[in-house]
């Protein structure tokens, strides 16, 4: 789902991979902006707060929940 996300990493470590192949590591205590066109891998259990427009964020959460249900 091609939507940006803003947020804060409460705990944990994630790696964000962008469509151009670049990666970004996000860890405890960091504020982040993930532009459209990314995927996220959790390397260490993570708790984070996402700030995104609801109209864009709801389909993303539905997508994530569907993936988790099939895991």
PDB file of N, CA and C in Angstrom:
ATOM      1  N   UNK A   1       0.847  -1.163   0.000  1.00  0.00           N
ATOM      2  CA  UNK A   1       0.000   0.000   0.000  1.00  0.00           C
ATOM      3  C   UNK A   1       0.903   1.239   0.000  1.00  0.00           C
ATOM      4  N   UNK A   2       0.783   2.072  -0.973  1.00  0.00           N
ATOM      5  CA  UNK A   2       1.719   3.196  -1.137  1.00  0.00           C
ATOM      6  C   UNK A   2       1.322   4.447  -0.358  1.00  0.00           C
ATOM      7  N   UNK A   3       1.495   4.409   0.972  1.00  0.00           N
ATOM      8  CA  UNK A   3       1.167   5.570   1.793  1.00  0.00           C
ATOM      9  C   UNK A   3       2.328   5.888   2.716  1.00  0.00           C
ATOM     10  N   UNK A   4       2.537   7.180   3.017  1.00  0.00           N
ATOM     11  CA  UNK A   4       3.605   7.553   3.948  1.00  0.00           C
ATOM     12  C   UNK A   4       3.163   7.332   5.393  1.00  0.00           C
ATOM     13  N   UNK A   5       4.151   7.211   6.274  1.00  0.00           N
ATOM     14  CA  UNK A   5       3.889   7.085   7.707  1.00  0.00           C
ATOM     15  C   UNK A   5       4.873   7.961   8.468  1.00  0.00           C
ATOM     16  N   UNK A   6       4.394   8.552   9.544  1.00  0.00           N
ATOM     17  CA  UNK A   6       5.213   9.276  10.490  1.00  0.00           C
ATOM     18  C   UNK A   6       5.045   8.576  11.821  1.00  0.00           C
ATOM     19  N   UNK A   7       6.071   8.595  12.662  1.00  0.00           N
ATOM     20  CA  UNK A   7       5.895   7.928  13.932  1.00  0.00           C
ATOM     21  C   UNK A   7       7.062   8.070  14.873  1.00  0.00           C
ATOM     22  N   UNK A   8       6.924   7.315  15.973  1.00  0.00           N
ATOM     23  CA  UNK A   8       7.918   7.306  17.037  1.00  0.00           C
ATOM     24  C   UNK A   8       8.124   5.864  17.482  1.00  0.00           C
ATOM     25  N   UNK A   9       9.382   5.438  17.557  1.00  0.00           N
ATOM     26  CA  UNK A   9       9.735   4.092  18.008  1.00  0.00           C
ATOM     27  C   UNK A   9       9.825   4.103  19.537  1.00  0.00           C
ATOM     28  N   UNK A  10       8.863   3.465  20.201  1.00  0.00           N
ATOM     29  CA  UNK A  10       8.900   3.367  21.658  1.00  0.00           C
ATOM     30  C   UNK A  10       9.977   2.373  22.071  1.00  0.00           C
ATOM     31  N   UNK A  11       9.936   1.168  21.478  1.00  0.00           N
ATOM     32  CA  UNK A  11      10.969   0.160  21.716  1.00  0.00           C
ATOM     33  C   UNK A  11      11.142  -0.657  20.439  1.00  0.00           C
ATOM     34  N   UNK A  12      12.275  -1.346  20.339  1.00  0.00           N
ATOM     35  CA  UNK A  12      12.479  -2.281  19.243  1.00  0.00           C
ATOM     36  C   UNK A  12      13.351  -1.769  18.126  1.00  0.00           C
ATOM     37  N   UNK A  13      13.470  -2.614  17.109  1.00  0.00           N
ATOM     38  CA  UNK A  13      14.274  -2.307  15.924  1.00  0.00           C
ATOM     39  C   UNK A  13      13.541  -2.781  14.685  1.00  0.00           C
ATOM     40  N   UNK A  14      13.426  -1.916  13.694  1.00  0.00           N
ATOM     41  CA  UNK A  14      12.850  -2.293  12.413  1.00  0.00           C
ATOM     42  C   UNK A  14      13.764  -1.823  11.290  1.00  0.00           C
ATOM     43  N   UNK A  15      13.696  -2.520  10.181  1.00  0.00           N
ATOM     44  CA  UNK A  15      14.425  -2.129   8.972  1.00  0.00           C
ATOM     45  C   UNK A  15      13.382  -1.798   7.923  1.00  0.00           C
ATOM     46  N   UNK A  16      13.488  -0.614   7.352  1.00  0.00           N
ATOM     47  CA  UNK A  16      12.573  -0.173   6.301  1.00  0.00           C
ATOM     48  C   UNK A  16      13.320  -0.268   4.977  1.00  0.00           C
ATOM     49  N   UNK A  17      12.708  -0.921   4.002  1.00  0.00           N
ATOM     50  CA  UNK A  17      13.287  -1.036   2.668  1.00  0.00           C
ATOM     51  C   UNK A  17      12.401  -0.267   1.704  1.00  0.00           C
ATOM     52  N   UNK A  18      13.024   0.605   0.925  1.00  0.00           N
ATOM     53  CA  UNK A  18      12.306   1.434  -0.034  1.00  0.00           C
ATOM     54  C   UNK A  18      12.354   0.802  -1.426  1.00  0.00           C
ATOM     55  N   UNK A  19      11.475   1.234  -2.296  1.00  0.00           N
ATOM     56  CA  UNK A  19      11.375   0.632  -3.628  1.00  0.00           C
ATOM     57  C   UNK A  19      12.662   0.773  -4.435  1.00  0.00           C
ATOM     58  N   UNK A  20      13.513   1.744  -4.096  1.00  0.00           N
ATOM     59  CA  UNK A  20      14.787   1.880  -4.821  1.00  0.00           C
ATOM     60  C   UNK A  20      15.882   0.978  -4.251  1.00  0.00           C
ATOM     61  N   UNK A  21      15.519   0.170  -3.210  1.00  0.00           N
ATOM     62  CA  UNK A  21      16.472  -0.758  -2.639  1.00  0.00           C
ATOM     63  C   UNK A  21      17.226  -0.249  -1.425  1.00  0.00           C
ATOM     64  N   UNK A  22      17.135   1.042  -1.132  1.00  0.00           N
ATOM     65  CA  UNK A  22      17.818   1.564   0.046  1.00  0.00           C
ATOM     66  C   UNK A  22      17.090   1.108   1.305  1.00  0.00           C
ATOM     67  N   UNK A  23      17.835   1.048   2.407  1.00  0.00           N
ATOM     68  CA  UNK A  23      17.255   0.632   3.678  1.00  0.00           C
ATOM     69  C   UNK A  23      17.528   1.684   4.741  1.00  0.00           C
ATOM     70  N   UNK A  24      16.699   1.654   5.759  1.00  0.00           N
ATOM     71  CA  UNK A  24      16.839   2.557   6.899  1.00  0.00           C
ATOM     72  C   UNK A  24      16.560   1.750   8.160  1.00  0.00           C
ATOM     73  N   UNK A  25      17.419   1.876   9.164  1.00  0.00           N
ATOM     74  CA  UNK A  25      17.213   1.214  10.449  1.00  0.00           C
ATOM     75  C   UNK A  25      16.560   2.202  11.403  1.00  0.00           C
ATOM     76  N   UNK A  26      15.500   1.772  12.056  1.00  0.00           N
ATOM     77  CA  UNK A  26      14.827   2.592  13.055  1.00  0.00           C
ATOM     78  C   UNK A  26      14.857   1.838  14.373  1.00  0.00           C
ATOM     79  N   UNK A  27      15.182   2.547  15.452  1.00  0.00           N
ATOM     80  CA  UNK A  27      15.347   1.892  16.747  1.00  0.00           C
ATOM     81  C   UNK A  27      14.726   2.728  17.864  1.00  0.00           C
ATOM     82  N   UNK A  28      14.717   2.175  19.039  1.00  0.00           N
ATOM     83  CA  UNK A  28      14.108   2.790  20.218  1.00  0.00           C
ATOM     84  C   UNK A  28      14.446   4.277  20.341  1.00  0.00           C
ATOM     85  N   UNK A  29      13.402   5.085  20.545  1.00  0.00           N
ATOM     86  CA  UNK A  29      13.586   6.511  20.796  1.00  0.00           C
ATOM     87  C   UNK A  29      13.648   7.386  19.569  1.00  0.00           C
ATOM     88  N   UNK A  30      13.558   6.815  18.387  1.00  0.00           N
ATOM     89  CA  UNK A  30      13.670   7.612  17.162  1.00  0.00           C
ATOM     90  C   UNK A  30      12.304   8.034  16.636  1.00  0.00           C
ATOM     91  N   UNK A  31      12.287   9.232  16.058  1.00  0.00           N
ATOM     92  CA  UNK A  31      11.141   9.720  15.301  1.00  0.00           C
ATOM     93  C   UNK A  31      11.426   9.392  13.844  1.00  0.00           C
ATOM     94  N   UNK A  32      10.394   8.988  13.088  1.00  0.00           N
ATOM     95  CA  UNK A  32      10.646   8.594  11.699  1.00  0.00           C
ATOM     96  C   UNK A  32       9.580   9.117  10.753  1.00  0.00           C
ATOM     97  N   UNK A  33       9.978   9.180   9.482  1.00  0.00           N
ATOM     98  CA  UNK A  33       9.062   9.415   8.355  1.00  0.00           C
ATOM     99  C   UNK A  33       9.412   8.393   7.300  1.00  0.00           C
ATOM    100  N   UNK A  34       8.429   7.564   6.937  1.00  0.00           N
ATOM    101  CA  UNK A  34       8.621   6.588   5.880  1.00  0.00           C
ATOM    102  C   UNK A  34       7.779   7.024   4.700  1.00  0.00           C
ATOM    103  N   UNK A  35       8.397   7.559   3.637  1.00  0.00           N
ATOM    104  CA  UNK A  35       7.635   7.971   2.460  1.00  0.00           C
ATOM    105  C   UNK A  35       6.930   6.781   1.804  1.00  0.00           C
ATOM    106  N   UNK A  36       6.025   7.061   0.918  1.00  0.00           N
ATOM    107  CA  UNK A  36       5.335   6.008   0.161  1.00  0.00           C
ATOM    108  C   UNK A  36       6.352   5.103  -0.516  1.00  0.00           C
ATOM    109  N   UNK A  37       5.982   3.835  -0.640  1.00  0.00           N
ATOM    110  CA  UNK A  37       6.846   2.884  -1.329  1.00  0.00           C
ATOM    111  C   UNK A  37       7.860   2.242  -0.411  1.00  0.00           C
ATOM    112  N   UNK A  38       7.412   1.599   0.642  1.00  0.00           N
ATOM    113  CA  UNK A  38       8.326   0.960   1.585  1.00  0.00           C
ATOM    114  C   UNK A  38       7.720  -0.334   2.114  1.00  0.00           C
ATOM    115  N   UNK A  39       8.586  -1.163   2.664  1.00  0.00           N
ATOM    116  CA  UNK A  39       8.156  -2.330   3.427  1.00  0.00           C
ATOM    117  C   UNK A  39       8.966  -2.331   4.717  1.00  0.00           C
ATOM    118  N   UNK A  40       8.415  -2.974   5.744  1.00  0.00           N
ATOM    119  CA  UNK A  40       9.039  -2.936   7.064  1.00  0.00           C
ATOM    120  C   UNK A  40       9.275  -4.365   7.559  1.00  0.00           C
ATOM    121  N   UNK A  41      10.469  -4.591   8.090  1.00  0.00           N
ATOM    122  CA  UNK A  41      10.811  -5.872   8.718  1.00  0.00           C
ATOM    123  C   UNK A  41      11.165  -5.602  10.175  1.00  0.00           C
ATOM    124  N   UNK A  42      10.556  -6.342  11.084  1.00  0.00           N
ATOM    125  CA  UNK A  42      10.834  -6.182  12.508  1.00  0.00           C
ATOM    126  C   UNK A  42      11.988  -7.099  12.883  1.00  0.00           C
ATOM    127  N   UNK A  43      13.101  -6.506  13.348  1.00  0.00           N
ATOM    128  CA  UNK A  43      14.270  -7.281  13.769  1.00  0.00           C
ATOM    129  C   UNK A  43      14.243  -7.593  15.264  1.00  0.00           C
ATOM    130  N   UNK A  44      13.642  -6.729  16.047  1.00  0.00           N
ATOM    131  CA  UNK A  44      13.496  -6.939  17.491  1.00  0.00           C
ATOM    132  C   UNK A  44      12.109  -6.443  17.842  1.00  0.00           C
ATOM    133  N   UNK A  45      11.345  -7.235  18.593  1.00  0.00           N
ATOM    134  CA  UNK A  45       9.969  -6.858  18.920  1.00  0.00           C
ATOM    135  C   UNK A  45       9.858  -5.351  19.077  1.00  0.00           C
ATOM    136  N   UNK A  46       8.881  -4.770  18.406  1.00  0.00           N
ATOM    137  CA  UNK A  46       8.782  -3.319  18.351  1.00  0.00           C
ATOM    138  C   UNK A  46       7.418  -2.833  18.810  1.00  0.00           C
ATOM    139  N   UNK A  47       7.452  -1.705  19.481  1.00  0.00           N
ATOM    140  CA  UNK A  47       6.249  -0.974  19.840  1.00  0.00           C
ATOM    141  C   UNK A  47       6.457   0.430  19.301  1.00  0.00           C
ATOM    142  N   UNK A  48       5.519   0.899  18.500  1.00  0.00           N
ATOM    143  CA  UNK A  48       5.672   2.210  17.892  1.00  0.00           C
ATOM    144  C   UNK A  48       4.335   2.899  17.776  1.00  0.00           C
ATOM    145  N   UNK A  49       4.395   4.195  17.596  1.00  0.00           N
ATOM    146  CA  UNK A  49       3.203   5.002  17.377  1.00  0.00           C
ATOM    147  C   UNK A  49       3.274   5.508  15.949  1.00  0.00           C
ATOM    148  N   UNK A  50       2.205   5.297  15.183  1.00  0.00           N
ATOM    149  CA  UNK A  50       2.133   5.801  13.813  1.00  0.00           C
ATOM    150  C   UNK A  50       1.184   6.986  13.758  1.00  0.00           C
ATOM    151  N   UNK A  51       1.593   8.018  13.034  1.00  0.00           N
ATOM    152  CA  UNK A  51       0.751   9.170  12.771  1.00  0.00           C
ATOM    153  C   UNK A  51       0.557   9.230  11.259  1.00  0.00           C
ATOM    154  N   UNK A  52      -0.648   8.930  10.810  1.00  0.00           N
ATOM    155  CA  UNK A  52      -0.946   8.914   9.385  1.00  0.00           C
ATOM    156  C   UNK A  52      -2.381   9.380   9.201  1.00  0.00           C
ATOM    157  N   UNK A  53      -2.701   9.986   8.054  1.00  0.00           N
ATOM    158  CA  UNK A  53      -4.094  10.359   7.799  1.00  0.00           C
ATOM    159  C   UNK A  53      -4.980   9.104   7.831  1.00  0.00           C
ATOM    160  N   UNK A  54      -6.103   9.168   8.538  1.00  0.00           N
ATOM    161  CA  UNK A  54      -6.940   7.986   8.735  1.00  0.00           C
ATOM    162  C   UNK A  54      -7.416   7.385   7.421  1.00  0.00           C
ATOM    163  N   UNK A  55      -7.794   8.211   6.460  1.00  0.00           N
ATOM    164  CA  UNK A  55      -8.288   7.686   5.182  1.00  0.00           C
ATOM    165  C   UNK A  55      -7.232   6.830   4.489  1.00  0.00           C
ATOM    166  N   UNK A  56      -5.968   7.167   4.664  1.00  0.00           N
ATOM    167  CA  UNK A  56      -4.883   6.386   4.074  1.00  0.00           C
ATOM    168  C   UNK A  56      -4.462   5.240   4.978  1.00  0.00           C
ATOM    169  N   UNK A  57      -4.540   5.438   6.277  1.00  0.00           N
ATOM    170  CA  UNK A  57      -4.027   4.453   7.232  1.00  0.00           C
ATOM    171  C   UNK A  57      -4.942   3.235   7.394  1.00  0.00           C
ATOM    172  N   UNK A  58      -6.233   3.417   7.316  1.00  0.00           N
ATOM    173  CA  UNK A  58      -7.169   2.310   7.508  1.00  0.00           C
ATOM    174  C   UNK A  58      -6.930   1.168   6.523  1.00  0.00           C
ATOM    175  N   UNK A  59      -6.776   1.426   5.213  1.00  0.00           N
ATOM    176  CA  UNK A  59      -6.487   0.314   4.297  1.00  0.00           C
ATOM    177  C   UNK A  59      -5.159  -0.384   4.601  1.00  0.00           C
ATOM    178  N   UNK A  60      -4.181   0.364   5.092  1.00  0.00           N
ATOM    179  CA  UNK A  60      -2.892  -0.227   5.451  1.00  0.00           C
ATOM    180  C   UNK A  60      -3.077  -1.200   6.612  1.00  0.00           C
ATOM    181  N   UNK A  61      -3.798  -0.781   7.641  1.00  0.00           N
ATOM    182  CA  UNK A  61      -4.027  -1.654   8.794  1.00  0.00           C
ATOM    183  C   UNK A  61      -4.837  -2.881   8.391  1.00  0.00           C
ATOM    184  N   UNK A  62      -5.819  -2.713   7.516  1.00  0.00           N
ATOM    185  CA  UNK A  62      -6.582  -3.864   7.030  1.00  0.00           C
ATOM    186  C   UNK A  62      -5.672  -4.863   6.307  1.00  0.00           C
ATOM    187  N   UNK A  63      -4.742  -4.347   5.516  1.00  0.00           N
ATOM    188  CA  UNK A  63      -3.773  -5.177   4.788  1.00  0.00           C
ATOM    189  C   UNK A  63      -2.891  -5.947   5.770  1.00  0.00           C
ATOM    190  N   UNK A  64      -2.370  -5.253   6.780  1.00  0.00           N
ATOM    191  CA  UNK A  64      -1.491  -5.880   7.767  1.00  0.00           C
ATOM    192  C   UNK A  64      -2.250  -6.965   8.530  1.00  0.00           C
ATOM    193  N   UNK A  65      -3.466  -6.658   8.967  1.00  0.00           N
ATOM    194  CA  UNK A  65      -4.261  -7.637   9.716  1.00  0.00           C
ATOM    195  C   UNK A  65      -4.562  -8.881   8.875  1.00  0.00           C
ATOM    196  N   UNK A  66      -4.823  -8.691   7.579  1.00  0.00           N
ATOM    197  CA  UNK A  66      -5.073  -9.830   6.688  1.00  0.00           C
ATOM    198  C   UNK A  66      -3.812 -10.699   6.566  1.00  0.00           C
ATOM    199  N   UNK A  67      -2.646 -10.059   6.464  1.00  0.00           N
ATOM    200  CA  UNK A  67      -1.382 -10.805   6.374  1.00  0.00           C
ATOM    201  C   UNK A  67      -1.135 -11.589   7.661  1.00  0.00           C
ATOM    202  N   UNK A  68      -1.397 -10.983   8.801  1.00  0.00           N
ATOM    203  CA  UNK A  68      -1.183 -11.664  10.078  1.00  0.00           C
ATOM    204  C   UNK A  68      -2.154 -12.836  10.245  1.00  0.00           C
ATOM    205  N   UNK A  69      -3.360 -12.705   9.761  1.00  0.00           N
ATOM    206  CA  UNK A  69      -4.355 -13.775   9.881  1.00  0.00           C
ATOM    207  C   UNK A  69      -3.950 -14.996   9.051  1.00  0.00           C
ATOM    208  N   UNK A  70      -3.197 -14.761   7.973  1.00  0.00           N
ATOM    209  CA  UNK A  70      -2.777 -15.852   7.092  1.00  0.00           C
ATOM    210  C   UNK A  70      -1.388 -16.384   7.433  1.00  0.00           C
ATOM    211  N   UNK A  71      -0.769 -15.832   8.468  1.00  0.00           N
ATOM    212  CA  UNK A  71       0.606 -16.245   8.815  1.00  0.00           C
ATOM    213  C   UNK A  71       0.618 -17.551   9.591  1.00  0.00           C
TER     214      UNK A  71
END
